[in-house]
């Protein structure tokens, strides 16, 4: 049986942005920033904790709401680390 291994920690490389790192680990940039107390782009060499969120990554389509995607708004905020929702956004269900 195959098991997907998720990294818990990651060292930022020169030139990497928070958005690039978040995308590589299928988490939202806001959630990654919140988890690490970041208010700006991380410096090269910084060690980041990668949130081990359970759920499927999904791209938001037209007319979808937080409640439709995650059951209710509070659950959406807890899973994604933001109360913002926009078309094309990658979210955790």
C-alpha atoms as a PDB file:
ATOM      1  CA  UNK A   1       0.000   0.000   0.000  1.00  0.00           C
ATOM      2  CA  UNK A   2       1.358   3.423  -0.936  1.00  0.00           C
ATOM      3  CA  UNK A   3       1.418   6.151   1.664  1.00  0.00           C
ATOM      4  CA  UNK A   4       1.751   9.840   0.859  1.00  0.00           C
ATOM      5  CA  UNK A   5       4.366  11.391   3.104  1.00  0.00           C
ATOM      6  CA  UNK A   6       3.889  15.056   3.893  1.00  0.00           C
ATOM      7  CA  UNK A   7       6.714  17.266   5.052  1.00  0.00           C
ATOM      8  CA  UNK A   8       6.216  18.993   8.380  1.00  0.00           C
ATOM      9  CA  UNK A   9       9.082  21.488   7.966  1.00  0.00           C
ATOM     10  CA  UNK A  10      10.566  23.274   4.960  1.00  0.00           C
ATOM     11  CA  UNK A  11      13.635  25.509   4.538  1.00  0.00           C
ATOM     12  CA  UNK A  12      13.039  28.482   2.237  1.00  0.00           C
ATOM     13  CA  UNK A  13      15.383  28.690  -0.740  1.00  0.00           C
ATOM     14  CA  UNK A  14      16.702  31.903  -2.321  1.00  0.00           C
ATOM     15  CA  UNK A  15      14.056  33.674  -4.419  1.00  0.00           C
ATOM     16  CA  UNK A  16      11.076  31.597  -3.265  1.00  0.00           C
ATOM     17  CA  UNK A  17       7.831  33.341  -2.407  1.00  0.00           C
ATOM     18  CA  UNK A  18       5.243  32.319   0.140  1.00  0.00           C
ATOM     19  CA  UNK A  19       2.753  31.672  -2.668  1.00  0.00           C
ATOM     20  CA  UNK A  20       5.176  29.323  -4.458  1.00  0.00           C
ATOM     21  CA  UNK A  21       5.875  27.343  -1.293  1.00  0.00           C
ATOM     22  CA  UNK A  22       2.189  27.150  -0.364  1.00  0.00           C
ATOM     23  CA  UNK A  23       1.290  25.929  -3.850  1.00  0.00           C
ATOM     24  CA  UNK A  24       3.982  23.232  -3.718  1.00  0.00           C
ATOM     25  CA  UNK A  25       2.480  21.848  -0.491  1.00  0.00           C
ATOM     26  CA  UNK A  26      -1.188  22.350  -1.504  1.00  0.00           C
ATOM     27  CA  UNK A  27      -1.973  24.765   1.315  1.00  0.00           C
ATOM     28  CA  UNK A  28      -3.185  28.349   1.103  1.00  0.00           C
ATOM     29  CA  UNK A  29      -0.567  31.086   1.392  1.00  0.00           C
ATOM     30  CA  UNK A  30      -2.636  32.708   4.158  1.00  0.00           C
ATOM     31  CA  UNK A  31      -2.715  29.494   6.170  1.00  0.00           C
ATOM     32  CA  UNK A  32       1.052  29.023   5.734  1.00  0.00           C
ATOM     33  CA  UNK A  33       1.684  32.636   6.808  1.00  0.00           C
ATOM     34  CA  UNK A  34      -0.634  32.291   9.804  1.00  0.00           C
ATOM     35  CA  UNK A  35       0.983  29.021  10.891  1.00  0.00           C
ATOM     36  CA  UNK A  36       4.426  30.679  10.866  1.00  0.00           C
ATOM     37  CA  UNK A  37       3.506  34.162  12.103  1.00  0.00           C
ATOM     38  CA  UNK A  38       4.608  35.784   8.844  1.00  0.00           C
ATOM     39  CA  UNK A  39       3.648  39.322   7.849  1.00  0.00           C
ATOM     40  CA  UNK A  40       6.054  39.507   4.878  1.00  0.00           C
ATOM     41  CA  UNK A  41       7.828  37.169   2.481  1.00  0.00           C
ATOM     42  CA  UNK A  42      10.139  34.718   4.291  1.00  0.00           C
ATOM     43  CA  UNK A  43      13.903  35.123   3.953  1.00  0.00           C
ATOM     44  CA  UNK A  44      16.066  32.398   2.409  1.00  0.00           C
ATOM     45  CA  UNK A  45      17.083  29.886   5.058  1.00  0.00           C
ATOM     46  CA  UNK A  46      14.001  30.389   7.220  1.00  0.00           C
ATOM     47  CA  UNK A  47      12.418  27.163   8.443  1.00  0.00           C
ATOM     48  CA  UNK A  48       8.648  27.034   7.908  1.00  0.00           C
ATOM     49  CA  UNK A  49       6.196  24.674   9.526  1.00  0.00           C
ATOM     50  CA  UNK A  50       3.911  23.190   6.872  1.00  0.00           C
ATOM     51  CA  UNK A  51       0.323  22.811   8.147  1.00  0.00           C
ATOM     52  CA  UNK A  52      -0.831  19.207   7.974  1.00  0.00           C
ATOM     53  CA  UNK A  53      -4.391  20.008   6.995  1.00  0.00           C
ATOM     54  CA  UNK A  54      -6.644  17.104   6.197  1.00  0.00           C
ATOM     55  CA  UNK A  55      -8.858  17.500   3.169  1.00  0.00           C
ATOM     56  CA  UNK A  56      -8.912  17.821  -0.553  1.00  0.00           C
ATOM     57  CA  UNK A  57      -7.586  20.829  -2.442  1.00  0.00           C
ATOM     58  CA  UNK A  58     -10.253  22.292  -4.703  1.00  0.00           C
ATOM     59  CA  UNK A  59     -10.455  25.242  -7.109  1.00  0.00           C
ATOM     60  CA  UNK A  60     -13.470  27.492  -6.484  1.00  0.00           C
ATOM     61  CA  UNK A  61     -15.984  27.813  -9.325  1.00  0.00           C
ATOM     62  CA  UNK A  62     -18.745  30.319 -10.031  1.00  0.00           C
ATOM     63  CA  UNK A  63     -21.609  30.587  -7.507  1.00  0.00           C
ATOM     64  CA  UNK A  64     -19.896  28.487  -4.824  1.00  0.00           C
ATOM     65  CA  UNK A  65     -19.988  29.648  -1.222  1.00  0.00           C
ATOM     66  CA  UNK A  66     -18.019  28.905   1.942  1.00  0.00           C
ATOM     67  CA  UNK A  67     -20.999  27.008   3.319  1.00  0.00           C
ATOM     68  CA  UNK A  68     -21.360  24.945   0.143  1.00  0.00           C
ATOM     69  CA  UNK A  69     -17.673  24.031   0.130  1.00  0.00           C
ATOM     70  CA  UNK A  70     -17.074  23.360   3.841  1.00  0.00           C
ATOM     71  CA  UNK A  71     -20.475  23.023   5.489  1.00  0.00           C
ATOM     72  CA  UNK A  72     -20.408  26.464   7.128  1.00  0.00           C
ATOM     73  CA  UNK A  73     -18.352  29.660   7.201  1.00  0.00           C
ATOM     74  CA  UNK A  74     -16.549  28.840  10.475  1.00  0.00           C
ATOM     75  CA  UNK A  75     -15.364  25.491   9.123  1.00  0.00           C
ATOM     76  CA  UNK A  76     -14.121  27.208   5.939  1.00  0.00           C
ATOM     77  CA  UNK A  77     -12.119  29.761   7.956  1.00  0.00           C
ATOM     78  CA  UNK A  78     -10.611  27.084  10.219  1.00  0.00           C
ATOM     79  CA  UNK A  79      -9.493  24.909   7.299  1.00  0.00           C
ATOM     80  CA  UNK A  80      -8.230  27.683   5.010  1.00  0.00           C
ATOM     81  CA  UNK A  81      -6.993  30.339   7.434  1.00  0.00           C
ATOM     82  CA  UNK A  82      -9.009  33.102   5.763  1.00  0.00           C
ATOM     83  CA  UNK A  83     -12.563  34.336   5.370  1.00  0.00           C
ATOM     84  CA  UNK A  84     -11.906  35.429   1.773  1.00  0.00           C
ATOM     85  CA  UNK A  85     -13.353  33.425  -1.119  1.00  0.00           C
ATOM     86  CA  UNK A  86     -12.884  34.221  -4.805  1.00  0.00           C
ATOM     87  CA  UNK A  87     -13.269  32.544  -8.173  1.00  0.00           C
ATOM     88  CA  UNK A  88     -10.238  30.365  -8.983  1.00  0.00           C
ATOM     89  CA  UNK A  89      -9.005  30.254  -5.373  1.00  0.00           C
ATOM     90  CA  UNK A  90      -7.532  26.926  -4.213  1.00  0.00           C
ATOM     91  CA  UNK A  91      -9.204  25.872  -0.960  1.00  0.00           C
ATOM     92  CA  UNK A  92      -9.196  22.882   1.358  1.00  0.00           C
ATOM     93  CA  UNK A  93     -12.521  21.087   1.644  1.00  0.00           C
END
